[in-house]
Amino acid sequence: MNRNRKKRRRLLLPLLLLVLVVILVQSEWLGRMMYPIYYKEEIRSIASRYQLDPLLIAAIIRVESNYKAEAVSPKGALGIMQVMPETAEWILSKEDFGSLTIQEISRKPEAGILVGSWYLREMLRQFDGRLAVSLAAYNAGPGKVRQWLNENIWDGEQSSLNDIPYGETRHYVQRILYYYNKYKKLYDEI
């Protein structure tokens, strides 16, 4: 009797492990639990306004603040999409956002998403839609990225991200592209 029990355990354990592995690998719900997207309505609406992929905005938010609306970086970047105060002031001067203030950008998810998405669209415009270059410019600033491109330090291609001279920017772009691709696999739309 004891021998049969041991034999069953030896058979059940690998079978149970196999079932768990299949569930984990094939499970969309588990992936969505590990990679959630918050503020979906706000992201969807603002993405539509600026003709951006909402999953790209979600990936930037994930990397910048992990959906924490009141996040402040050690360098002083504010809000859910971590825009520097000087950049936010410049953005507010470029388009009519009504009575939107820096304080609202730093506290309210919708305000932060609005300003961050405007800036992303502007980087994409300035860099002819080149995603990796635009993401690098979002992080390091467009002037610095132009310098890298003009001095042939980096060719702007995704295949050469390791050539980005700032480690923070290099990892930033890599992480956004990772989450963007992960979100595209997990979410048809948000």
N, C-alpha and C. Protein backbone atom coordinates (compact mmCIF):
# COMPACT_ATOMS: atom_id res chain seq x y z
N MET A 1 0.81 -1.20 0.00
CA MET A 1 0.00 0.00 0.00
C MET A 1 0.86 1.26 0.00
N ASN A 2 1.82 1.29 0.88
CA ASN A 2 2.75 2.40 0.98
C ASN A 2 3.52 2.58 -0.32
N ARG A 3 3.83 1.47 -0.95
CA ARG A 3 4.58 1.49 -2.21
C ARG A 3 3.75 2.11 -3.33
N ASN A 4 2.45 1.81 -3.39
CA ASN A 4 1.55 2.38 -4.40
C ASN A 4 1.40 3.88 -4.22
N ARG A 5 1.34 4.30 -2.98
CA ARG A 5 1.21 5.71 -2.68
C ARG A 5 2.45 6.47 -3.17
N LYS A 6 3.61 5.94 -2.93
CA LYS A 6 4.85 6.56 -3.37
C LYS A 6 4.91 6.63 -4.90
N LYS A 7 4.46 5.57 -5.53
CA LYS A 7 4.46 5.50 -6.99
C LYS A 7 3.53 6.57 -7.56
N ARG A 8 2.34 6.72 -6.95
CA ARG A 8 1.39 7.73 -7.41
C ARG A 8 1.96 9.13 -7.22
N ARG A 9 2.61 9.35 -6.11
CA ARG A 9 3.22 10.67 -5.85
C ARG A 9 4.27 10.98 -6.91
N ARG A 10 5.08 9.99 -7.23
CA ARG A 10 6.11 10.21 -8.24
C ARG A 10 5.50 10.52 -9.60
N LEU A 11 4.35 9.98 -9.90
CA LEU A 11 3.69 10.26 -11.17
C LEU A 11 2.92 11.58 -11.11
N LEU A 12 2.30 11.87 -9.98
CA LEU A 12 1.47 13.07 -9.86
C LEU A 12 2.30 14.36 -9.84
N LEU A 13 3.41 14.34 -9.16
CA LEU A 13 4.22 15.54 -9.05
C LEU A 13 4.68 16.06 -10.41
N PRO A 14 5.29 15.24 -11.27
CA PRO A 14 5.67 15.74 -12.59
C PRO A 14 4.46 16.18 -13.43
N LEU A 15 3.36 15.45 -13.31
CA LEU A 15 2.16 15.82 -14.05
C LEU A 15 1.63 17.17 -13.57
N LEU A 16 1.60 17.36 -12.26
CA LEU A 16 1.16 18.63 -11.70
C LEU A 16 2.08 19.78 -12.13
N LEU A 17 3.37 19.55 -12.10
CA LEU A 17 4.33 20.56 -12.55
C LEU A 17 4.15 20.90 -14.02
N LEU A 18 3.90 19.91 -14.84
CA LEU A 18 3.67 20.12 -16.26
C LEU A 18 2.42 20.97 -16.49
N VAL A 19 1.35 20.64 -15.78
CA VAL A 19 0.11 21.42 -15.89
C VAL A 19 0.35 22.86 -15.46
N LEU A 20 1.05 23.07 -14.36
CA LEU A 20 1.34 24.43 -13.90
C LEU A 20 2.17 25.21 -14.91
N VAL A 21 3.16 24.57 -15.49
CA VAL A 21 4.00 25.23 -16.49
C VAL A 21 3.16 25.63 -17.71
N VAL A 22 2.29 24.74 -18.16
CA VAL A 22 1.43 25.05 -19.31
C VAL A 22 0.52 26.23 -18.98
N ILE A 23 -0.05 26.21 -17.79
CA ILE A 23 -0.93 27.31 -17.38
C ILE A 23 -0.16 28.63 -17.35
N LEU A 24 1.02 28.60 -16.77
CA LEU A 24 1.80 29.83 -16.66
C LEU A 24 2.23 30.36 -18.02
N VAL A 25 2.66 29.48 -18.89
CA VAL A 25 3.16 29.90 -20.20
C VAL A 25 2.03 30.37 -21.11
N GLN A 26 0.91 29.69 -21.07
CA GLN A 26 -0.17 29.98 -21.99
C GLN A 26 -1.21 30.95 -21.45
N SER A 27 -1.08 31.36 -20.23
CA SER A 27 -2.13 32.11 -19.58
C SER A 27 -2.05 33.61 -19.85
N GLU A 28 -3.06 34.12 -20.53
CA GLU A 28 -3.16 35.55 -20.74
C GLU A 28 -3.49 36.26 -19.44
N TRP A 29 -4.38 35.66 -18.66
CA TRP A 29 -4.78 36.32 -17.42
C TRP A 29 -3.60 36.48 -16.48
N LEU A 30 -2.69 35.51 -16.44
CA LEU A 30 -1.52 35.63 -15.59
C LEU A 30 -0.61 36.75 -16.12
N GLY A 31 -0.44 36.79 -17.42
CA GLY A 31 0.36 37.86 -18.03
C GLY A 31 -0.23 39.22 -17.74
N ARG A 32 -1.54 39.33 -17.80
CA ARG A 32 -2.19 40.60 -17.52
C ARG A 32 -2.09 40.96 -16.03
N MET A 33 -2.02 39.96 -15.19
CA MET A 33 -1.81 40.23 -13.76
C MET A 33 -0.38 40.73 -13.53
N MET A 34 0.57 40.16 -14.24
CA MET A 34 1.97 40.56 -14.08
C MET A 34 2.26 41.90 -14.76
N TYR A 35 1.54 42.20 -15.82
CA TYR A 35 1.74 43.41 -16.61
C TYR A 35 0.42 44.16 -16.76
N PRO A 36 -0.10 44.68 -15.65
CA PRO A 36 -1.40 45.38 -15.73
C PRO A 36 -1.25 46.76 -16.37
N ILE A 37 -2.36 47.26 -16.85
CA ILE A 37 -2.42 48.63 -17.36
C ILE A 37 -3.54 49.33 -16.58
N TYR A 38 -3.18 50.43 -15.95
CA TYR A 38 -4.15 51.24 -15.23
C TYR A 38 -4.45 52.51 -16.03
N TYR A 39 -5.49 53.20 -15.68
CA TYR A 39 -5.90 54.45 -16.34
C TYR A 39 -6.17 54.22 -17.83
N LYS A 40 -6.82 53.10 -18.13
CA LYS A 40 -7.05 52.73 -19.53
C LYS A 40 -7.86 53.76 -20.29
N GLU A 41 -8.93 54.26 -19.69
CA GLU A 41 -9.77 55.24 -20.38
C GLU A 41 -8.99 56.51 -20.71
N GLU A 42 -8.23 57.00 -19.75
CA GLU A 42 -7.45 58.21 -19.97
C GLU A 42 -6.40 57.97 -21.07
N ILE A 43 -5.72 56.85 -20.99
CA ILE A 43 -4.70 56.53 -21.99
C ILE A 43 -5.33 56.42 -23.37
N ARG A 44 -6.43 55.69 -23.46
CA ARG A 44 -7.10 55.50 -24.75
C ARG A 44 -7.54 56.84 -25.35
N SER A 45 -8.15 57.68 -24.55
CA SER A 45 -8.64 58.96 -25.03
C SER A 45 -7.51 59.87 -25.50
N ILE A 46 -6.47 59.97 -24.70
CA ILE A 46 -5.35 60.85 -25.04
C ILE A 46 -4.55 60.29 -26.21
N ALA A 47 -4.40 58.98 -26.27
CA ALA A 47 -3.72 58.36 -27.42
C ALA A 47 -4.45 58.68 -28.71
N SER A 48 -5.77 58.64 -28.66
CA SER A 48 -6.57 58.97 -29.84
C SER A 48 -6.37 60.44 -30.23
N ARG A 49 -6.36 61.31 -29.24
CA ARG A 49 -6.17 62.75 -29.48
C ARG A 49 -4.85 63.03 -30.21
N TYR A 50 -3.79 62.33 -29.83
CA TYR A 50 -2.48 62.58 -30.41
C TYR A 50 -2.04 61.52 -31.42
N GLN A 51 -2.95 60.65 -31.79
CA GLN A 51 -2.70 59.60 -32.78
C GLN A 51 -1.47 58.77 -32.40
N LEU A 52 -1.47 58.30 -31.15
CA LEU A 52 -0.41 57.45 -30.62
C LEU A 52 -0.97 56.09 -30.28
N ASP A 53 -0.12 55.11 -30.21
CA ASP A 53 -0.53 53.78 -29.78
C ASP A 53 -0.69 53.81 -28.26
N PRO A 54 -1.89 53.51 -27.75
CA PRO A 54 -2.08 53.53 -26.30
C PRO A 54 -1.16 52.56 -25.56
N LEU A 55 -0.78 51.48 -26.20
CA LEU A 55 0.12 50.52 -25.56
C LEU A 55 1.52 51.10 -25.40
N LEU A 56 1.92 51.98 -26.30
CA LEU A 56 3.21 52.66 -26.17
C LEU A 56 3.16 53.62 -24.98
N ILE A 57 2.08 54.36 -24.87
CA ILE A 57 1.92 55.27 -23.72
C ILE A 57 1.95 54.46 -22.43
N ALA A 58 1.25 53.33 -22.40
CA ALA A 58 1.22 52.48 -21.21
C ALA A 58 2.63 51.98 -20.87
N ALA A 59 3.41 51.63 -21.88
CA ALA A 59 4.78 51.15 -21.64
C ALA A 59 5.65 52.26 -21.05
N ILE A 60 5.48 53.47 -21.54
CA ILE A 60 6.25 54.59 -21.00
C ILE A 60 5.85 54.84 -19.54
N ILE A 61 4.56 54.81 -19.27
CA ILE A 61 4.10 55.01 -17.90
C ILE A 61 4.66 53.92 -16.99
N ARG A 62 4.64 52.69 -17.46
CA ARG A 62 5.16 51.58 -16.65
C ARG A 62 6.62 51.81 -16.27
N VAL A 63 7.42 52.25 -17.24
CA VAL A 63 8.84 52.47 -16.99
C VAL A 63 9.06 53.74 -16.17
N GLU A 64 8.35 54.79 -16.49
CA GLU A 64 8.58 56.08 -15.83
C GLU A 64 8.14 56.09 -14.36
N SER A 65 6.92 55.60 -14.08
CA SER A 65 6.38 55.76 -12.73
C SER A 65 5.69 54.53 -12.17
N ASN A 66 5.58 53.49 -13.00
CA ASN A 66 4.82 52.29 -12.61
C ASN A 66 3.41 52.68 -12.16
N TYR A 67 2.81 53.63 -12.88
CA TYR A 67 1.43 54.07 -12.68
C TYR A 67 1.21 54.85 -11.39
N LYS A 68 2.26 55.38 -10.81
CA LYS A 68 2.13 56.22 -9.62
C LYS A 68 1.98 57.67 -10.07
N ALA A 69 0.78 58.21 -9.92
CA ALA A 69 0.44 59.52 -10.44
C ALA A 69 1.29 60.64 -9.84
N GLU A 70 1.67 60.52 -8.58
CA GLU A 70 2.39 61.59 -7.90
C GLU A 70 3.89 61.32 -7.81
N ALA A 71 4.40 60.49 -8.68
CA ALA A 71 5.83 60.15 -8.63
C ALA A 71 6.69 61.38 -8.92
N VAL A 72 7.81 61.45 -8.22
CA VAL A 72 8.81 62.48 -8.46
C VAL A 72 10.16 61.77 -8.51
N SER A 73 10.89 61.98 -9.59
CA SER A 73 12.19 61.31 -9.74
C SER A 73 13.25 62.03 -8.92
N PRO A 74 14.38 61.37 -8.67
CA PRO A 74 15.48 62.04 -7.97
C PRO A 74 15.97 63.30 -8.70
N LYS A 75 15.77 63.35 -10.02
CA LYS A 75 16.19 64.52 -10.79
C LYS A 75 15.10 65.59 -10.87
N GLY A 76 13.91 65.28 -10.31
CA GLY A 76 12.84 66.27 -10.26
C GLY A 76 11.74 66.11 -11.29
N ALA A 77 11.80 65.05 -12.11
CA ALA A 77 10.73 64.82 -13.09
C ALA A 77 9.44 64.50 -12.35
N LEU A 78 8.34 64.99 -12.90
CA LEU A 78 7.06 64.95 -12.20
C LEU A 78 6.01 64.08 -12.87
N GLY A 79 5.16 63.50 -12.06
CA GLY A 79 3.93 62.88 -12.54
C GLY A 79 4.10 61.51 -13.14
N ILE A 80 3.00 61.04 -13.65
CA ILE A 80 2.90 59.66 -14.12
C ILE A 80 3.80 59.37 -15.31
N MET A 81 4.09 60.40 -16.13
CA MET A 81 4.98 60.22 -17.28
C MET A 81 6.31 60.94 -17.10
N GLN A 82 6.58 61.40 -15.88
CA GLN A 82 7.88 61.93 -15.47
C GLN A 82 8.44 62.97 -16.43
N VAL A 83 7.76 64.10 -16.50
CA VAL A 83 8.22 65.22 -17.32
C VAL A 83 8.93 66.21 -16.40
N MET A 84 10.07 66.69 -16.83
CA MET A 84 10.80 67.70 -16.05
C MET A 84 9.97 68.98 -15.99
N PRO A 85 10.00 69.71 -14.88
CA PRO A 85 9.19 70.94 -14.76
C PRO A 85 9.45 71.94 -15.89
N GLU A 86 10.72 72.11 -16.29
CA GLU A 86 11.03 73.06 -17.37
C GLU A 86 10.40 72.59 -18.69
N THR A 87 10.45 71.30 -18.92
CA THR A 87 9.84 70.75 -20.14
C THR A 87 8.32 70.91 -20.09
N ALA A 88 7.74 70.68 -18.93
CA ALA A 88 6.29 70.85 -18.78
C ALA A 88 5.88 72.30 -19.04
N GLU A 89 6.66 73.25 -18.52
CA GLU A 89 6.37 74.68 -18.78
C GLU A 89 6.44 74.97 -20.27
N TRP A 90 7.46 74.43 -20.94
CA TRP A 90 7.61 74.63 -22.38
C TRP A 90 6.41 74.04 -23.13
N ILE A 91 5.99 72.83 -22.73
CA ILE A 91 4.84 72.17 -23.37
C ILE A 91 3.58 73.02 -23.18
N LEU A 92 3.38 73.50 -21.96
CA LEU A 92 2.19 74.32 -21.67
C LEU A 92 2.18 75.60 -22.49
N SER A 93 3.35 76.09 -22.88
CA SER A 93 3.42 77.31 -23.70
C SER A 93 3.18 77.01 -25.18
N LYS A 94 3.31 75.76 -25.59
CA LYS A 94 3.20 75.39 -27.00
C LYS A 94 1.78 75.06 -27.44
N GLU A 95 0.94 74.65 -26.51
CA GLU A 95 -0.43 74.27 -26.87
C GLU A 95 -1.37 74.75 -25.77
N ASP A 96 -2.59 75.03 -26.17
CA ASP A 96 -3.57 75.49 -25.19
C ASP A 96 -4.14 74.29 -24.43
N PHE A 97 -3.70 74.15 -23.21
CA PHE A 97 -4.20 73.11 -22.33
C PHE A 97 -5.18 73.68 -21.31
N GLY A 98 -5.74 74.85 -21.63
CA GLY A 98 -6.66 75.48 -20.69
C GLY A 98 -5.91 75.97 -19.46
N SER A 99 -6.44 75.69 -18.30
CA SER A 99 -5.85 76.17 -17.05
C SER A 99 -4.93 75.14 -16.40
N LEU A 100 -4.47 74.18 -17.16
CA LEU A 100 -3.61 73.11 -16.63
C LEU A 100 -2.35 73.70 -16.00
N THR A 101 -2.00 73.19 -14.82
CA THR A 101 -0.83 73.70 -14.10
C THR A 101 0.20 72.58 -13.87
N ILE A 102 1.40 73.00 -13.53
CA ILE A 102 2.46 72.04 -13.20
C ILE A 102 2.01 71.16 -12.02
N GLN A 103 1.34 71.75 -11.05
CA GLN A 103 0.87 70.99 -9.89
C GLN A 103 -0.10 69.89 -10.31
N GLU A 104 -0.97 70.17 -11.25
CA GLU A 104 -1.90 69.15 -11.74
C GLU A 104 -1.17 68.05 -12.49
N ILE A 105 -0.17 68.44 -13.27
CA ILE A 105 0.63 67.45 -14.01
C ILE A 105 1.31 66.51 -13.03
N SER A 106 1.74 67.05 -11.91
CA SER A 106 2.47 66.23 -10.93
C SER A 106 1.55 65.39 -10.04
N ARG A 107 0.25 65.63 -10.08
CA ARG A 107 -0.66 64.90 -9.18
C ARG A 107 -1.75 64.11 -9.89
N LYS A 108 -2.25 64.63 -10.98
CA LYS A 108 -3.42 64.03 -11.63
C LYS A 108 -2.98 63.17 -12.82
N PRO A 109 -3.36 61.90 -12.82
CA PRO A 109 -2.94 61.01 -13.91
C PRO A 109 -3.29 61.55 -15.29
N GLU A 110 -4.52 62.01 -15.47
CA GLU A 110 -4.93 62.47 -16.80
C GLU A 110 -4.08 63.65 -17.27
N ALA A 111 -3.76 64.57 -16.37
CA ALA A 111 -2.94 65.72 -16.74
C ALA A 111 -1.52 65.28 -17.11
N GLY A 112 -0.96 64.37 -16.33
CA GLY A 112 0.37 63.86 -16.63
C GLY A 112 0.42 63.10 -17.93
N ILE A 113 -0.61 62.30 -18.19
CA ILE A 113 -0.68 61.53 -19.44
C ILE A 113 -0.83 62.47 -20.63
N LEU A 114 -1.63 63.51 -20.45
CA LEU A 114 -1.85 64.48 -21.52
C LEU A 114 -0.54 65.17 -21.92
N VAL A 115 0.17 65.69 -20.96
CA VAL A 115 1.40 66.41 -21.24
C VAL A 115 2.50 65.46 -21.73
N GLY A 116 2.64 64.30 -21.09
CA GLY A 116 3.65 63.33 -21.52
C GLY A 116 3.39 62.82 -22.93
N SER A 117 2.13 62.61 -23.25
CA SER A 117 1.79 62.13 -24.60
C SER A 117 2.03 63.22 -25.64
N TRP A 118 1.73 64.46 -25.30
CA TRP A 118 2.03 65.56 -26.22
C TRP A 118 3.52 65.58 -26.51
N TYR A 119 4.33 65.43 -25.46
CA TYR A 119 5.78 65.46 -25.62
C TYR A 119 6.27 64.27 -26.45
N LEU A 120 5.71 63.10 -26.23
CA LEU A 120 6.07 61.94 -27.03
C LEU A 120 5.74 62.18 -28.50
N ARG A 121 4.56 62.69 -28.75
CA ARG A 121 4.19 62.99 -30.15
C ARG A 121 5.16 63.99 -30.76
N GLU A 122 5.56 64.99 -29.97
CA GLU A 122 6.50 65.99 -30.46
C GLU A 122 7.86 65.37 -30.77
N MET A 123 8.32 64.47 -29.93
CA MET A 123 9.60 63.78 -30.19
C MET A 123 9.48 62.93 -31.46
N LEU A 124 8.36 62.25 -31.61
CA LEU A 124 8.15 61.45 -32.83
C LEU A 124 8.13 62.35 -34.06
N ARG A 125 7.53 63.54 -33.95
CA ARG A 125 7.50 64.48 -35.07
C ARG A 125 8.92 64.97 -35.38
N GLN A 126 9.65 65.36 -34.35
CA GLN A 126 10.99 65.90 -34.56
C GLN A 126 11.95 64.86 -35.16
N PHE A 127 11.72 63.59 -34.83
CA PHE A 127 12.63 62.54 -35.29
C PHE A 127 11.97 61.61 -36.32
N ASP A 128 11.06 62.18 -37.10
CA ASP A 128 10.46 61.50 -38.26
C ASP A 128 9.86 60.13 -37.92
N GLY A 129 9.27 60.02 -36.74
CA GLY A 129 8.58 58.78 -36.37
C GLY A 129 9.51 57.65 -35.96
N ARG A 130 10.78 57.91 -35.85
CA ARG A 130 11.75 56.86 -35.46
C ARG A 130 11.58 56.60 -33.97
N LEU A 131 11.03 55.44 -33.64
CA LEU A 131 10.62 55.15 -32.27
C LEU A 131 11.78 55.15 -31.29
N ALA A 132 12.83 54.41 -31.55
CA ALA A 132 13.95 54.32 -30.61
C ALA A 132 14.57 55.69 -30.37
N VAL A 133 14.75 56.46 -31.43
CA VAL A 133 15.34 57.79 -31.31
C VAL A 133 14.42 58.70 -30.50
N SER A 134 13.13 58.63 -30.77
CA SER A 134 12.16 59.47 -30.05
C SER A 134 12.11 59.12 -28.57
N LEU A 135 12.19 57.85 -28.25
CA LEU A 135 12.21 57.43 -26.84
C LEU A 135 13.49 57.91 -26.16
N ALA A 136 14.60 57.81 -26.86
CA ALA A 136 15.85 58.30 -26.29
C ALA A 136 15.76 59.80 -26.04
N ALA A 137 15.15 60.54 -26.97
CA ALA A 137 15.00 61.98 -26.81
C ALA A 137 14.04 62.31 -25.66
N TYR A 138 13.02 61.51 -25.47
CA TYR A 138 12.09 61.72 -24.35
C TYR A 138 12.87 61.65 -23.04
N ASN A 139 13.86 60.79 -22.97
CA ASN A 139 14.63 60.60 -21.74
C ASN A 139 15.81 61.57 -21.63
N ALA A 140 16.62 61.67 -22.65
CA ALA A 140 17.87 62.43 -22.57
C ALA A 140 17.74 63.86 -23.10
N GLY A 141 16.66 64.12 -23.81
CA GLY A 141 16.47 65.42 -24.44
C GLY A 141 16.80 65.37 -25.91
N PRO A 142 16.05 66.10 -26.73
CA PRO A 142 16.27 66.04 -28.17
C PRO A 142 17.62 66.60 -28.61
N GLY A 143 18.12 67.60 -27.93
CA GLY A 143 19.42 68.17 -28.30
C GLY A 143 20.55 67.16 -28.14
N LYS A 144 20.54 66.44 -27.05
CA LYS A 144 21.58 65.45 -26.78
C LYS A 144 21.50 64.32 -27.81
N VAL A 145 20.29 63.89 -28.14
CA VAL A 145 20.14 62.79 -29.11
C VAL A 145 20.57 63.25 -30.50
N ARG A 146 20.25 64.48 -30.88
CA ARG A 146 20.72 65.01 -32.17
C ARG A 146 22.25 65.01 -32.21
N GLN A 147 22.86 65.38 -31.10
CA GLN A 147 24.33 65.38 -31.03
C GLN A 147 24.87 63.98 -31.28
N TRP A 148 24.29 62.96 -30.63
CA TRP A 148 24.74 61.57 -30.83
C TRP A 148 24.61 61.17 -32.29
N LEU A 149 23.48 61.54 -32.90
CA LEU A 149 23.24 61.18 -34.30
C LEU A 149 24.21 61.93 -35.22
N ASN A 150 24.38 63.23 -35.00
CA ASN A 150 25.24 64.05 -35.85
C ASN A 150 26.71 63.65 -35.76
N GLU A 151 27.12 63.22 -34.57
CA GLU A 151 28.51 62.82 -34.37
C GLU A 151 28.72 61.33 -34.61
N ASN A 152 27.72 60.66 -35.15
CA ASN A 152 27.76 59.23 -35.45
C ASN A 152 28.13 58.37 -34.24
N ILE A 153 27.72 58.82 -33.08
CA ILE A 153 27.92 58.03 -31.87
C ILE A 153 26.91 56.89 -31.85
N TRP A 154 25.69 57.20 -32.30
CA TRP A 154 24.62 56.21 -32.40
C TRP A 154 23.89 56.47 -33.71
N ASP A 155 23.54 55.39 -34.40
CA ASP A 155 22.86 55.55 -35.69
C ASP A 155 21.33 55.64 -35.56
N GLY A 156 20.81 55.51 -34.34
CA GLY A 156 19.38 55.65 -34.11
C GLY A 156 18.58 54.38 -34.33
N GLU A 157 19.24 53.31 -34.65
CA GLU A 157 18.54 52.06 -34.93
C GLU A 157 18.33 51.25 -33.65
N GLN A 158 17.23 50.49 -33.62
CA GLN A 158 16.96 49.62 -32.47
C GLN A 158 18.03 48.54 -32.35
N SER A 159 18.58 48.13 -33.46
CA SER A 159 19.59 47.07 -33.43
C SER A 159 20.90 47.53 -32.81
N SER A 160 21.07 48.84 -32.64
CA SER A 160 22.32 49.35 -32.07
C SER A 160 22.08 50.16 -30.79
N LEU A 161 21.08 49.78 -30.03
CA LEU A 161 20.79 50.48 -28.79
C LEU A 161 21.98 50.50 -27.84
N ASN A 162 22.82 49.48 -27.92
CA ASN A 162 24.00 49.43 -27.04
C ASN A 162 24.98 50.57 -27.31
N ASP A 163 24.83 51.26 -28.43
CA ASP A 163 25.71 52.39 -28.74
C ASP A 163 25.26 53.69 -28.08
N ILE A 164 24.07 53.70 -27.48
CA ILE A 164 23.62 54.91 -26.79
C ILE A 164 24.59 55.16 -25.64
N PRO A 165 25.23 56.33 -25.61
CA PRO A 165 26.30 56.55 -24.64
C PRO A 165 25.84 56.68 -23.18
N TYR A 166 24.61 57.11 -22.95
CA TYR A 166 24.12 57.22 -21.58
C TYR A 166 23.48 55.89 -21.18
N GLY A 167 24.04 55.26 -20.17
CA GLY A 167 23.50 53.99 -19.70
C GLY A 167 22.04 54.09 -19.30
N GLU A 168 21.69 55.18 -18.61
CA GLU A 168 20.29 55.37 -18.19
C GLU A 168 19.36 55.41 -19.40
N THR A 169 19.75 56.14 -20.42
CA THR A 169 18.91 56.26 -21.62
C THR A 169 18.86 54.95 -22.38
N ARG A 170 19.98 54.28 -22.49
CA ARG A 170 20.04 52.98 -23.16
C ARG A 170 19.06 52.01 -22.49
N HIS A 171 19.14 51.89 -21.17
CA HIS A 171 18.26 50.97 -20.44
C HIS A 171 16.81 51.42 -20.49
N TYR A 172 16.60 52.71 -20.49
CA TYR A 172 15.26 53.28 -20.59
C TYR A 172 14.59 52.84 -21.89
N VAL A 173 15.27 53.04 -23.00
CA VAL A 173 14.71 52.67 -24.30
C VAL A 173 14.49 51.15 -24.36
N GLN A 174 15.45 50.39 -23.90
CA GLN A 174 15.30 48.92 -23.91
C GLN A 174 14.10 48.48 -23.08
N ARG A 175 13.91 49.08 -21.91
CA ARG A 175 12.79 48.70 -21.04
C ARG A 175 11.45 49.09 -21.66
N ILE A 176 11.37 50.27 -22.25
CA ILE A 176 10.11 50.66 -22.88
C ILE A 176 9.78 49.72 -24.03
N LEU A 177 10.75 49.41 -24.85
CA LEU A 177 10.49 48.50 -25.97
C LEU A 177 10.10 47.12 -25.46
N TYR A 178 10.70 46.67 -24.36
CA TYR A 178 10.33 45.38 -23.76
C TYR A 178 8.85 45.41 -23.34
N TYR A 179 8.46 46.42 -22.57
CA TYR A 179 7.07 46.49 -22.10
C TYR A 179 6.09 46.72 -23.25
N TYR A 180 6.49 47.52 -24.21
CA TYR A 180 5.64 47.76 -25.37
C TYR A 180 5.35 46.45 -26.10
N ASN A 181 6.38 45.66 -26.35
CA ASN A 181 6.19 44.37 -27.01
C ASN A 181 5.38 43.41 -26.14
N LYS A 182 5.63 43.42 -24.84
CA LYS A 182 4.88 42.57 -23.92
C LYS A 182 3.40 42.95 -23.94
N TYR A 183 3.11 44.24 -23.87
CA TYR A 183 1.72 44.70 -23.91
C TYR A 183 1.05 44.33 -25.23
N LYS A 184 1.78 44.43 -26.34
CA LYS A 184 1.19 44.08 -27.64
C LYS A 184 0.83 42.59 -27.69
N LYS A 185 1.58 41.74 -27.00
CA LYS A 185 1.26 40.32 -26.96
C LYS A 185 0.06 40.03 -26.06
N LEU A 186 -0.07 40.80 -24.99
CA LEU A 186 -1.11 40.52 -23.99
C LEU A 186 -2.45 41.23 -24.24
N TYR A 187 -2.39 42.39 -24.87
CA TYR A 187 -3.60 43.21 -25.03
C TYR A 187 -3.86 43.48 -26.51
N ASP A 188 -5.04 43.13 -26.96
CA ASP A 188 -5.43 43.50 -28.33
C ASP A 188 -5.64 45.01 -28.40
N GLU A 189 -6.24 45.52 -27.35
CA GLU A 189 -6.47 46.96 -27.23
C GLU A 189 -6.69 47.24 -25.74
N ILE A 190 -6.67 48.52 -25.40
CA ILE A 190 -7.00 48.88 -24.02
C ILE A 190 -8.15 49.84 -24.01
